[in-house]
C-alpha atoms as a PDB file:
ATOM      1  CA  MET A   1     124.773 329.736-143.804  1.00  0.00           C
ATOM      2  CA  THR A   2     124.518 332.785-141.556  1.00  0.00           C
ATOM      3  CA  LEU A   3     123.294 332.414-137.990  1.00  0.00           C
ATOM      4  CA  THR A   4     122.133 335.989-137.575  1.00  0.00           C
ATOM      5  CA  VAL A   5     122.288 339.330-139.330  1.00  0.00           C
ATOM      6  CA  LEU A   6     121.822 342.909-138.266  1.00  0.00           C
ATOM      7  CA  ASP A   7     121.139 345.165-141.242  1.00  0.00           C
ATOM      8  CA  ARG A   8     121.475 348.904-140.629  1.00  0.00           C
ATOM      9  CA  GLN A   9     119.902 348.617-137.191  1.00  0.00           C
ATOM     10  CA  THR A  10     119.708 351.321-134.545  1.00  0.00           C
ATOM     11  CA  LEU A  11     120.188 349.789-131.098  1.00  0.00           C
ATOM     12  CA  GLY A  12     119.731 351.178-127.625  1.00  0.00           C
ATOM     13  CA  TYR A  13     117.531 351.129-124.558  1.00  0.00           C
ATOM     14  CA  GLY A  14     114.926 353.327-122.940  1.00  0.00           C
ATOM     15  CA  GLY A  15     114.409 355.219-126.170  1.00  0.00           C
ATOM     16  CA  THR A  16     118.091 356.235-126.304  1.00  0.00           C
ATOM     17  CA  ALA A  17     120.139 355.140-129.318  1.00  0.00           C
ATOM     18  CA  VAL A  18     123.555 353.666-128.467  1.00  0.00           C
ATOM     19  CA  LEU A  19     124.511 352.324-131.897  1.00  0.00           C
ATOM     20  CA  SER A  20     123.304 353.642-135.245  1.00  0.00           C
ATOM     21  CA  GLU A  21     123.157 352.018-138.683  1.00  0.00           C
ATOM     22  CA  VAL A  22     124.772 348.803-137.431  1.00  0.00           C
ATOM     23  CA  SER A  23     125.232 345.906-139.840  1.00  0.00           C
ATOM     24  CA  LEU A  24     126.770 342.679-138.571  1.00  0.00           C
ATOM     25  CA  ALA A  25     126.608 339.039-139.637  1.00  0.00           C
ATOM     26  CA  LEU A  26     127.711 336.007-137.631  1.00  0.00           C
ATOM     27  CA  ALA A  27     128.326 332.735-139.459  1.00  0.00           C
ATOM     28  CA  PRO A  28     129.104 329.251-138.099  1.00  0.00           C
ATOM     29  CA  GLY A  29     132.787 328.797-137.341  1.00  0.00           C
ATOM     30  CA  GLU A  30     133.508 332.483-136.825  1.00  0.00           C
ATOM     31  CA  ARG A  31     135.040 333.885-133.662  1.00  0.00           C
ATOM     32  CA  VAL A  32     134.185 337.572-133.594  1.00  0.00           C
ATOM     33  CA  VAL A  33     135.602 339.929-130.974  1.00  0.00           C
ATOM     34  CA  LEU A  34     134.153 343.371-130.279  1.00  0.00           C
ATOM     35  CA  LEU A  35     136.653 346.089-129.399  1.00  0.00           C
ATOM     36  CA  GLY A  36     136.124 349.665-128.319  1.00  0.00           C
ATOM     37  CA  PRO A  37     136.254 352.000-125.335  1.00  0.00           C
ATOM     38  CA  SER A  38     133.844 351.780-122.440  1.00  0.00           C
ATOM     39  CA  GLY A  39     130.436 353.038-123.502  1.00  0.00           C
ATOM     40  CA  SER A  40     131.007 352.346-127.192  1.00  0.00           C
ATOM     41  CA  GLY A  41     128.109 349.872-127.359  1.00  0.00           C
ATOM     42  CA  LYS A  42     129.757 346.460-127.074  1.00  0.00           C
ATOM     43  CA  THR A  43     127.261 345.198-124.489  1.00  0.00           C
ATOM     44  CA  THR A  44     124.345 346.644-126.439  1.00  0.00           C
ATOM     45  CA  LEU A  45     125.474 344.833-129.574  1.00  0.00           C
ATOM     46  CA  LEU A  46     126.012 341.564-127.721  1.00  0.00           C
ATOM     47  CA  ASN A  47     122.525 341.776-126.219  1.00  0.00           C
ATOM     48  CA  ALA A  48     120.976 342.436-129.626  1.00  0.00           C
ATOM     49  CA  ILE A  49     122.698 339.388-131.113  1.00  0.00           C
ATOM     50  CA  HIS A  50     121.601 337.293-128.131  1.00  0.00           C
ATOM     51  CA  ASP A  51     117.987 338.356-128.592  1.00  0.00           C
ATOM     52  CA  ARG A  52     118.084 337.293-132.231  1.00  0.00           C
ATOM     53  CA  LEU A  53     119.850 333.990-131.667  1.00  0.00           C
ATOM     54  CA  ALA A  54     118.254 332.717-128.486  1.00  0.00           C
ATOM     55  CA  GLY A  55     115.026 331.512-130.047  1.00  0.00           C
ATOM     56  CA  ALA A  56     116.694 329.610-132.875  1.00  0.00           C
ATOM     57  CA  GLN A  57     120.022 328.393-131.463  1.00  0.00           C
ATOM     58  CA  ARG A  58     121.300 327.039-128.188  1.00  0.00           C
ATOM     59  CA  VAL A  59     123.378 329.905-126.842  1.00  0.00           C
ATOM     60  CA  ALA A  60     125.751 329.943-123.882  1.00  0.00           C
ATOM     61  CA  LEU A  61     125.877 333.415-122.352  1.00  0.00           C
ATOM     62  CA  VAL A  62     128.484 334.921-120.035  1.00  0.00           C
ATOM     63  CA  PRO A  63     127.223 338.382-119.006  1.00  0.00           C
ATOM     64  CA  GLN A  64     129.618 341.007-117.708  1.00  0.00           C
ATOM     65  CA  ASP A  65     128.091 340.958-114.223  1.00  0.00           C
ATOM     66  CA  HIS A  66     128.305 337.125-114.144  1.00  0.00           C
ATOM     67  CA  ALA A  67     124.602 336.759-113.093  1.00  0.00           C
ATOM     68  CA  LEU A  68     125.473 334.310-110.319  1.00  0.00           C
ATOM     69  CA  VAL A  69     123.466 333.563-107.168  1.00  0.00           C
ATOM     70  CA  PRO A  70     125.852 334.365-104.282  1.00  0.00           C
ATOM     71  CA  GLN A  71     123.945 332.299-101.706  1.00  0.00           C
ATOM     72  CA  LEU A  72     124.272 329.101-103.774  1.00  0.00           C
ATOM     73  CA  SER A  73     127.300 326.884-104.173  1.00  0.00           C
ATOM     74  CA  VAL A  74     129.591 326.845-107.180  1.00  0.00           C
ATOM     75  CA  LEU A  75     128.111 323.495-108.208  1.00  0.00           C
ATOM     76  CA  ARG A  76     124.532 324.748-108.096  1.00  0.00           C
ATOM     77  CA  ASN A  77     125.366 327.919-110.004  1.00  0.00           C
ATOM     78  CA  VAL A  78     126.947 325.847-112.759  1.00  0.00           C
ATOM     79  CA  LEU A  79     123.958 323.511-112.756  1.00  0.00           C
ATOM     80  CA  MET A  80     121.729 326.491-113.597  1.00  0.00           C
ATOM     81  CA  GLY A  81     123.230 326.574-117.075  1.00  0.00           C
ATOM     82  CA  ARG A  82     120.751 323.869-118.086  1.00  0.00           C
ATOM     83  CA  LEU A  83     117.668 324.942-116.131  1.00  0.00           C
ATOM     84  CA  ASP A  84     115.672 325.619-119.288  1.00  0.00           C
ATOM     85  CA  ASP A  85     116.148 321.999-120.384  1.00  0.00           C
ATOM     86  CA  HIS A  86     113.689 320.816-117.738  1.00  0.00           C
ATOM     87  CA  GLY A  87     110.521 321.836-115.939  1.00  0.00           C
ATOM     88  CA  PRO A  88     110.359 323.708-112.612  1.00  0.00           C
ATOM     89  CA  VAL A  89     109.671 320.623-110.475  1.00  0.00           C
ATOM     90  CA  ARG A  90     112.765 318.761-111.670  1.00  0.00           C
ATOM     91  CA  ASN A  91     114.859 321.922-111.475  1.00  0.00           C
ATOM     92  CA  LEU A  92     113.874 322.557-107.876  1.00  0.00           C
ATOM     93  CA  GLY A  93     114.641 318.967-106.969  1.00  0.00           C
ATOM     94  CA  SER A  94     118.010 319.151-108.724  1.00  0.00           C
ATOM     95  CA  LEU A  95     118.972 322.326-106.883  1.00  0.00           C
ATOM     96  CA  LEU A  96     117.972 320.841-103.529  1.00  0.00           C
ATOM     97  CA  HIS A  97     119.745 317.565-104.203  1.00  0.00           C
ATOM     98  CA  VAL A  98     122.174 317.580-107.108  1.00  0.00           C
ATOM     99  CA  ARG A  99     121.913 314.423-109.184  1.00  0.00           C
ATOM    100  CA  ARG A 100     124.971 312.218-109.212  1.00  0.00           C
ATOM    101  CA  ALA A 101     125.174 312.311-113.004  1.00  0.00           C
ATOM    102  CA  ASP A 102     125.157 316.110-112.992  1.00  0.00           C
ATOM    103  CA  ARG A 103     127.820 316.317-110.289  1.00  0.00           C
ATOM    104  CA  GLU A 104     130.011 313.881-112.239  1.00  0.00           C
ATOM    105  CA  GLY A 105     129.448 315.807-115.474  1.00  0.00           C
ATOM    106  CA  ILE A 106     130.318 319.154-113.932  1.00  0.00           C
ATOM    107  CA  ALA A 107     133.382 317.905-112.040  1.00  0.00           C
ATOM    108  CA  PRO A 108     135.789 317.834-115.034  1.00  0.00           C
ATOM    109  CA  ILE A 109     134.622 321.300-116.103  1.00  0.00           C
ATOM    110  CA  LEU A 110     135.449 322.696-112.675  1.00  0.00           C
ATOM    111  CA  ALA A 111     138.796 320.876-112.773  1.00  0.00           C
ATOM    112  CA  ASP A 112     139.662 322.475-116.114  1.00  0.00           C
ATOM    113  CA  LEU A 113     138.860 325.879-114.654  1.00  0.00           C
ATOM    114  CA  GLY A 114     140.775 325.361-111.418  1.00  0.00           C
ATOM    115  CA  LEU A 115     137.656 325.295-109.279  1.00  0.00           C
ATOM    116  CA  SER A 116     137.564 321.702-107.991  1.00  0.00           C
ATOM    117  CA  ASP A 117     138.317 322.790-104.425  1.00  0.00           C
ATOM    118  CA  GLU A 118     135.464 325.316-104.531  1.00  0.00           C
ATOM    119  CA  THR A 119     132.710 322.942-105.713  1.00  0.00           C
ATOM    120  CA  ASP A 120     130.529 323.220-102.611  1.00  0.00           C
ATOM    121  CA  ARG A 121     131.592 326.711-101.542  1.00  0.00           C
ATOM    122  CA  ARG A 122     129.108 329.578-101.699  1.00  0.00           C
ATOM    123  CA  VAL A 123     129.778 331.854-104.665  1.00  0.00           C
ATOM    124  CA  GLY A 124     129.477 334.927-102.451  1.00  0.00           C
ATOM    125  CA  GLU A 125     132.678 333.879-100.692  1.00  0.00           C
ATOM    126  CA  LEU A 126     134.770 333.757-103.882  1.00  0.00           C
ATOM    127  CA  SER A 127     137.182 336.262-105.383  1.00  0.00           C
ATOM    128  CA  GLY A 128     136.325 338.193-108.541  1.00  0.00           C
ATOM    129  CA  GLY A 129     138.456 335.923-110.706  1.00  0.00           C
ATOM    130  CA  GLN A 130     136.864 332.810-109.228  1.00  0.00           C
ATOM    131  CA  LYS A 131     133.363 334.183-109.823  1.00  0.00           C
ATOM    132  CA  GLN A 132     134.272 334.855-113.423  1.00  0.00           C
ATOM    133  CA  ARG A 133     135.426 331.274-113.841  1.00  0.00           C
ATOM    134  CA  VAL A 134     132.175 330.011-112.302  1.00  0.00           C
ATOM    135  CA  ALA A 135     130.272 331.980-114.942  1.00  0.00           C
ATOM    136  CA  LEU A 136     132.442 330.338-117.604  1.00  0.00           C
ATOM    137  CA  ALA A 137     131.840 326.915-116.055  1.00  0.00           C
ATOM    138  CA  ARG A 138     128.097 327.500-116.286  1.00  0.00           C
ATOM    139  CA  ALA A 139     128.503 328.301-119.993  1.00  0.00           C
ATOM    140  CA  TRP A 140     130.712 325.237-120.569  1.00  0.00           C
ATOM    141  CA  TRP A 141     128.076 323.062-118.848  1.00  0.00           C
ATOM    142  CA  ARG A 142     125.291 324.565-120.932  1.00  0.00           C
ATOM    143  CA  GLY A 143     127.144 324.145-124.223  1.00  0.00           C
ATOM    144  CA  GLY A 144     125.444 325.010-127.496  1.00  0.00           C
ATOM    145  CA  ALA A 145     126.024 326.318-130.972  1.00  0.00           C
ATOM    146  CA  VAL A 146     127.297 329.769-129.971  1.00  0.00           C
ATOM    147  CA  LEU A 147     129.145 331.378-127.072  1.00  0.00           C
ATOM    148  CA  LEU A 148     128.305 335.012-126.309  1.00  0.00           C
ATOM    149  CA  ALA A 149     130.484 336.562-123.624  1.00  0.00           C
ATOM    150  CA  ASP A 150     130.950 340.101-122.321  1.00  0.00           C
ATOM    151  CA  GLU A 151     134.474 340.643-120.959  1.00  0.00           C
ATOM    152  CA  PRO A 152     134.663 337.007-119.769  1.00  0.00           C
ATOM    153  CA  VAL A 153     138.342 337.066-118.717  1.00  0.00           C
ATOM    154  CA  SER A 154     138.751 340.606-117.385  1.00  0.00           C
ATOM    155  CA  ALA A 155     139.292 339.511-113.762  1.00  0.00           C
ATOM    156  CA  VAL A 156     142.208 337.117-114.352  1.00  0.00           C
ATOM    157  CA  ASP A 157     145.804 337.634-115.429  1.00  0.00           C
ATOM    158  CA  GLU A 158     146.861 337.518-119.068  1.00  0.00           C
ATOM    159  CA  THR A 159     148.271 333.981-118.958  1.00  0.00           C
ATOM    160  CA  GLN A 160     145.139 332.581-117.355  1.00  0.00           C
ATOM    161  CA  ALA A 161     142.951 334.620-119.700  1.00  0.00           C
ATOM    162  CA  ALA A 162     144.680 333.103-122.729  1.00  0.00           C
ATOM    163  CA  ALA A 163     144.174 329.602-121.321  1.00  0.00           C
ATOM    164  CA  LEU A 164     140.473 330.278-120.671  1.00  0.00           C
ATOM    165  CA  LEU A 165     139.987 331.574-124.207  1.00  0.00           C
ATOM    166  CA  ASP A 166     141.680 328.423-125.490  1.00  0.00           C
ATOM    167  CA  GLN A 167     139.037 326.424-123.618  1.00  0.00           C
ATOM    168  CA  ALA A 168     136.311 328.580-125.153  1.00  0.00           C
ATOM    169  CA  ARG A 169     137.675 327.963-128.638  1.00  0.00           C
ATOM    170  CA  ALA A 170     137.827 324.212-128.024  1.00  0.00           C
ATOM    171  CA  ARG A 171     134.239 324.053-126.744  1.00  0.00           C
ATOM    172  CA  PHE A 172     132.475 326.449-129.119  1.00  0.00           C
ATOM    173  CA  ALA A 173     133.047 326.603-132.862  1.00  0.00           C
ATOM    174  CA  THR A 174     131.246 329.946-133.048  1.00  0.00           C
ATOM    175  CA  ALA A 175     131.670 332.832-130.621  1.00  0.00           C
ATOM    176  CA  LEU A 176     131.014 336.536-130.202  1.00  0.00           C
ATOM    177  CA  LEU A 177     132.975 338.143-127.383  1.00  0.00           C
ATOM    178  CA  ALA A 178     133.634 341.631-126.088  1.00  0.00           C
ATOM    179  CA  LEU A 179     137.235 341.967-124.891  1.00  0.00           C
ATOM    180  CA  HIS A 180     139.383 344.871-123.706  1.00  0.00           C
ATOM    181  CA  ASP A 181     142.760 343.170-124.231  1.00  0.00           C
ATOM    182  CA  VAL A 182     143.752 343.694-127.864  1.00  0.00           C
ATOM    183  CA  ALA A 183     146.503 341.060-127.845  1.00  0.00           C
ATOM    184  CA  LEU A 184     144.079 338.422-126.573  1.00  0.00           C
ATOM    185  CA  ALA A 185     141.488 339.558-129.107  1.00  0.00           C
ATOM    186  CA  ARG A 186     143.947 339.163-131.980  1.00  0.00           C
ATOM    187  CA  ARG A 187     144.929 335.715-130.732  1.00  0.00           C
ATOM    188  CA  PHE A 188     141.349 334.473-130.391  1.00  0.00           C
ATOM    189  CA  ALA A 189     139.390 336.113-133.201  1.00  0.00           C
ATOM    190  CA  THR A 190     138.828 335.281-136.830  1.00  0.00           C
ATOM    191  CA  ARG A 191     137.231 338.759-137.115  1.00  0.00           C
ATOM    192  CA  LEU A 192     137.625 341.955-135.154  1.00  0.00           C
ATOM    193  CA  VAL A 193     134.799 344.488-134.994  1.00  0.00           C
ATOM    194  CA  GLY A 194     135.694 347.947-133.721  1.00  0.00           C
ATOM    195  CA  LEU A 195     133.072 350.249-132.215  1.00  0.00           C
ATOM    196  CA  ARG A 196     133.537 353.989-131.877  1.00  0.00           C
ATOM    197  CA  ARG A 197     131.093 356.812-131.250  1.00  0.00           C
ATOM    198  CA  GLY A 198     128.016 354.700-131.830  1.00  0.00           C
ATOM    199  CA  ARG A 199     129.078 353.110-135.107  1.00  0.00           C
ATOM    200  CA  ILE A 200     131.137 350.218-136.442  1.00  0.00           C
ATOM    201  CA  ALA A 201     134.564 351.592-137.320  1.00  0.00           C
ATOM    202  CA  PHE A 202     135.897 348.383-138.860  1.00  0.00           C
ATOM    203  CA  ASP A 203     135.000 344.732-139.382  1.00  0.00           C
ATOM    204  CA  ALA A 204     137.977 342.736-140.632  1.00  0.00           C
ATOM    205  CA  ALA A 205     140.324 339.815-140.043  1.00  0.00           C
ATOM    206  CA  PRO A 206     142.991 340.514-137.390  1.00  0.00           C
ATOM    207  CA  GLY A 207     145.766 340.350-139.975  1.00  0.00           C
ATOM    208  CA  ALA A 208     144.132 343.090-142.037  1.00  0.00           C
ATOM    209  CA  LEU A 209     144.263 345.602-139.169  1.00  0.00           C
ATOM    210  CA  GLY A 210     147.328 347.491-138.048  1.00  0.00           C
ATOM    211  CA  ASP A 211     148.094 348.984-134.671  1.00  0.00           C
ATOM    212  CA  ALA A 212     146.970 352.405-135.919  1.00  0.00           C
ATOM    213  CA  ASP A 213     143.520 351.048-136.768  1.00  0.00           C
ATOM    214  CA  ILE A 214     143.133 349.729-133.220  1.00  0.00           C
ATOM    215  CA  ALA A 215     144.575 352.853-131.597  1.00  0.00           C
ATOM    216  CA  ALA A 216     142.099 355.063-133.481  1.00  0.00           C
ATOM    217  CA  LEU A 217     139.244 353.348-131.616  1.00  0.00           C
ATOM    218  CA  TYR A 218     140.492 354.662-128.301  1.00  0.00           C
ATOM    219  CA  ALA A 219     141.698 358.104-129.383  1.00  0.00           C
ATOM    220  CA  ARG A 220     139.940 361.014-127.728  1.00  0.00           C
END
């Protein structure tokens, strides 16, 4: 079974094409990582897959800008991962007074991400790496069939990034991520998709790609 397919699609925004003739399939159990230089279309491709999946699958999304509310606490930002499970009245009540069951459910997630001491701290007061982990915590709390994440570990060091990706792999059988660290991408992915100059340059298992294949993506 395939979750979603793009078949020779042209993708972009505002009438401007970013990617041309793109074909990509995502099947259950796959961990696909998008590689390519800045501006190559990784975010555009992630957004297109999200648009196609969101109506049919429960998707946990980690956008590149985190999409957090700086005035709210870490706990309340994480809680927002499940806002669409309930109506506006319950959601407002939950944000004003967090239910005990929700607080207890979120607590181990924050512990795994090293955020227990920041539970009631405003997100606007956090460092970049902490904000990134809050965005991951929101995705962990949401759960679902697929994780879509745009540079979700770019603000932490390599050791911590590897540990966070291990958590992602344990929580989501299927994932599509954009990463800039090739070593982490090779470690995490079952497939690597390279983007260059508005097209897919390769789509293959990590073991089928050599260093020259990766380097060609970033050559000027």
